[in-house]
């Protein structure tokens, strides 16, 4: 519950922290896998959540790299392009 509140706050208020949010997701799911390996829970079959753990880690890594902001390109005069400069503070 707490993580979902953090994710919602980051999504709506602090867009620059989205890469950090993906780092938290990666850490959470790696720890879930680690706990499952160190302290297995015996069931009749494979628990349905186990498959999600193995899918979420690479998915979160891909989304983390896609969420990292790209550096701004500068034109020959050393200025930002017109599209980017209209949003910059003067």
C-alpha atoms as a PDB file:
ATOM      1  CA  UNK A   1       0.000   0.000   0.000  1.00  0.00           C
ATOM      2  CA  UNK A   2       2.786   2.424   0.899  1.00  0.00           C
ATOM      3  CA  UNK A   3       4.676   1.820  -2.366  1.00  0.00           C
ATOM      4  CA  UNK A   4       1.551   2.501  -4.428  1.00  0.00           C
ATOM      5  CA  UNK A   5       1.085   5.850  -2.676  1.00  0.00           C
ATOM      6  CA  UNK A   6       4.736   6.739  -3.360  1.00  0.00           C
ATOM      7  CA  UNK A   7       4.316   5.767  -7.029  1.00  0.00           C
ATOM      8  CA  UNK A   8       1.178   7.890  -7.385  1.00  0.00           C
ATOM      9  CA  UNK A   9       2.811  10.919  -5.768  1.00  0.00           C
ATOM     10  CA  UNK A  10       5.843  10.574  -8.033  1.00  0.00           C
ATOM     11  CA  UNK A  11       3.673  10.129 -11.123  1.00  0.00           C
ATOM     12  CA  UNK A  12       1.450  13.146 -10.505  1.00  0.00           C
ATOM     13  CA  UNK A  13       3.767  15.548  -8.673  1.00  0.00           C
ATOM     14  CA  UNK A  14       7.458  14.730  -9.165  1.00  0.00           C
ATOM     15  CA  UNK A  15       7.982  13.554 -12.749  1.00  0.00           C
ATOM     16  CA  UNK A  16      11.775  13.857 -12.411  1.00  0.00           C
ATOM     17  CA  UNK A  17      11.764  11.032  -9.844  1.00  0.00           C
ATOM     18  CA  UNK A  18      10.291   8.442 -12.210  1.00  0.00           C
ATOM     19  CA  UNK A  19      13.726   6.783 -12.774  1.00  0.00           C
ATOM     20  CA  UNK A  20      14.081   6.513  -8.976  1.00  0.00           C
ATOM     21  CA  UNK A  21      10.643   4.899  -8.854  1.00  0.00           C
ATOM     22  CA  UNK A  22      11.830   2.214 -11.279  1.00  0.00           C
ATOM     23  CA  UNK A  23      14.916   1.632  -9.113  1.00  0.00           C
ATOM     24  CA  UNK A  24      12.576   1.011  -6.160  1.00  0.00           C
ATOM     25  CA  UNK A  25      10.546  -1.450  -8.255  1.00  0.00           C
ATOM     26  CA  UNK A  26      13.719  -3.300  -9.307  1.00  0.00           C
ATOM     27  CA  UNK A  27      14.941  -3.526  -5.702  1.00  0.00           C
ATOM     28  CA  UNK A  28      11.538  -4.704  -4.461  1.00  0.00           C
ATOM     29  CA  UNK A  29      11.217  -7.508  -6.992  1.00  0.00           C
ATOM     30  CA  UNK A  30      14.837  -8.639  -6.627  1.00  0.00           C
ATOM     31  CA  UNK A  31      14.257  -8.881  -2.879  1.00  0.00           C
ATOM     32  CA  UNK A  32      11.050 -10.869  -3.468  1.00  0.00           C
ATOM     33  CA  UNK A  33      13.005 -13.336  -5.594  1.00  0.00           C
ATOM     34  CA  UNK A  34      15.757 -13.495  -2.956  1.00  0.00           C
ATOM     35  CA  UNK A  35      13.324 -14.171  -0.134  1.00  0.00           C
ATOM     36  CA  UNK A  36      11.627 -16.845  -2.226  1.00  0.00           C
ATOM     37  CA  UNK A  37      14.985 -18.552  -2.821  1.00  0.00           C
ATOM     38  CA  UNK A  38      16.260 -18.256   0.756  1.00  0.00           C
ATOM     39  CA  UNK A  39      13.012 -19.114   2.504  1.00  0.00           C
ATOM     40  CA  UNK A  40      10.872 -21.183   0.138  1.00  0.00           C
ATOM     41  CA  UNK A  41       7.183 -21.535   0.812  1.00  0.00           C
ATOM     42  CA  UNK A  42       5.959 -25.028   0.002  1.00  0.00           C
ATOM     43  CA  UNK A  43       2.907 -25.195  -2.205  1.00  0.00           C
ATOM     44  CA  UNK A  44       1.255 -27.887  -4.308  1.00  0.00           C
ATOM     45  CA  UNK A  45       2.203 -26.109  -7.555  1.00  0.00           C
ATOM     46  CA  UNK A  46       3.918 -22.937  -8.635  1.00  0.00           C
ATOM     47  CA  UNK A  47       2.383 -19.863  -7.030  1.00  0.00           C
ATOM     48  CA  UNK A  48       0.989 -17.449  -9.643  1.00  0.00           C
ATOM     49  CA  UNK A  49       2.977 -14.501  -8.284  1.00  0.00           C
ATOM     50  CA  UNK A  50       6.332 -16.173  -8.941  1.00  0.00           C
ATOM     51  CA  UNK A  51       5.996 -15.706 -12.690  1.00  0.00           C
ATOM     52  CA  UNK A  52       5.314 -11.995 -12.217  1.00  0.00           C
ATOM     53  CA  UNK A  53       8.500 -11.571 -10.192  1.00  0.00           C
ATOM     54  CA  UNK A  54      10.622 -12.889 -13.049  1.00  0.00           C
ATOM     55  CA  UNK A  55       8.822 -10.694 -15.592  1.00  0.00           C
ATOM     56  CA  UNK A  56       8.869  -7.442 -13.603  1.00  0.00           C
ATOM     57  CA  UNK A  57      12.642  -7.232 -13.055  1.00  0.00           C
ATOM     58  CA  UNK A  58      13.688  -7.056 -16.743  1.00  0.00           C
ATOM     59  CA  UNK A  59      10.620  -4.964 -17.573  1.00  0.00           C
ATOM     60  CA  UNK A  60      11.493  -2.446 -14.842  1.00  0.00           C
ATOM     61  CA  UNK A  61      15.119  -2.319 -16.027  1.00  0.00           C
ATOM     62  CA  UNK A  62      13.984  -1.560 -19.596  1.00  0.00           C
ATOM     63  CA  UNK A  63      11.551   1.106 -18.376  1.00  0.00           C
ATOM     64  CA  UNK A  64      14.261   2.602 -16.151  1.00  0.00           C
ATOM     65  CA  UNK A  65      16.580   3.105 -19.121  1.00  0.00           C
ATOM     66  CA  UNK A  66      13.742   4.554 -21.189  1.00  0.00           C
ATOM     67  CA  UNK A  67      12.831   6.991 -18.397  1.00  0.00           C
ATOM     68  CA  UNK A  68      16.289   8.541 -18.083  1.00  0.00           C
ATOM     69  CA  UNK A  69      16.150  12.052 -19.602  1.00  0.00           C
ATOM     70  CA  UNK A  70      18.154  12.576 -22.763  1.00  0.00           C
ATOM     71  CA  UNK A  71      20.767  15.370 -22.817  1.00  0.00           C
ATOM     72  CA  UNK A  72      19.728  18.499 -24.704  1.00  0.00           C
ATOM     73  CA  UNK A  73      21.268  19.016 -28.113  1.00  0.00           C
ATOM     74  CA  UNK A  74      22.782  22.407 -28.863  1.00  0.00           C
ATOM     75  CA  UNK A  75      22.947  24.032 -32.266  1.00  0.00           C
ATOM     76  CA  UNK A  76      26.131  25.386 -33.890  1.00  0.00           C
ATOM     77  CA  UNK A  77      25.953  28.679 -31.934  1.00  0.00           C
ATOM     78  CA  UNK A  78      25.929  26.807 -28.639  1.00  0.00           C
ATOM     79  CA  UNK A  79      22.307  27.680 -27.897  1.00  0.00           C
ATOM     80  CA  UNK A  80      19.458  25.293 -27.222  1.00  0.00           C
ATOM     81  CA  UNK A  81      17.000  24.767 -30.045  1.00  0.00           C
ATOM     82  CA  UNK A  82      13.966  27.088 -30.220  1.00  0.00           C
ATOM     83  CA  UNK A  83      11.628  24.393 -28.968  1.00  0.00           C
ATOM     84  CA  UNK A  84      13.707  23.790 -25.845  1.00  0.00           C
ATOM     85  CA  UNK A  85      14.589  27.435 -25.173  1.00  0.00           C
ATOM     86  CA  UNK A  86      10.957  28.531 -24.928  1.00  0.00           C
ATOM     87  CA  UNK A  87      10.593  26.348 -21.814  1.00  0.00           C
ATOM     88  CA  UNK A  88      13.803  27.427 -20.143  1.00  0.00           C
ATOM     89  CA  UNK A  89      13.801  30.116 -17.501  1.00  0.00           C
ATOM     90  CA  UNK A  90      15.206  33.500 -18.467  1.00  0.00           C
END
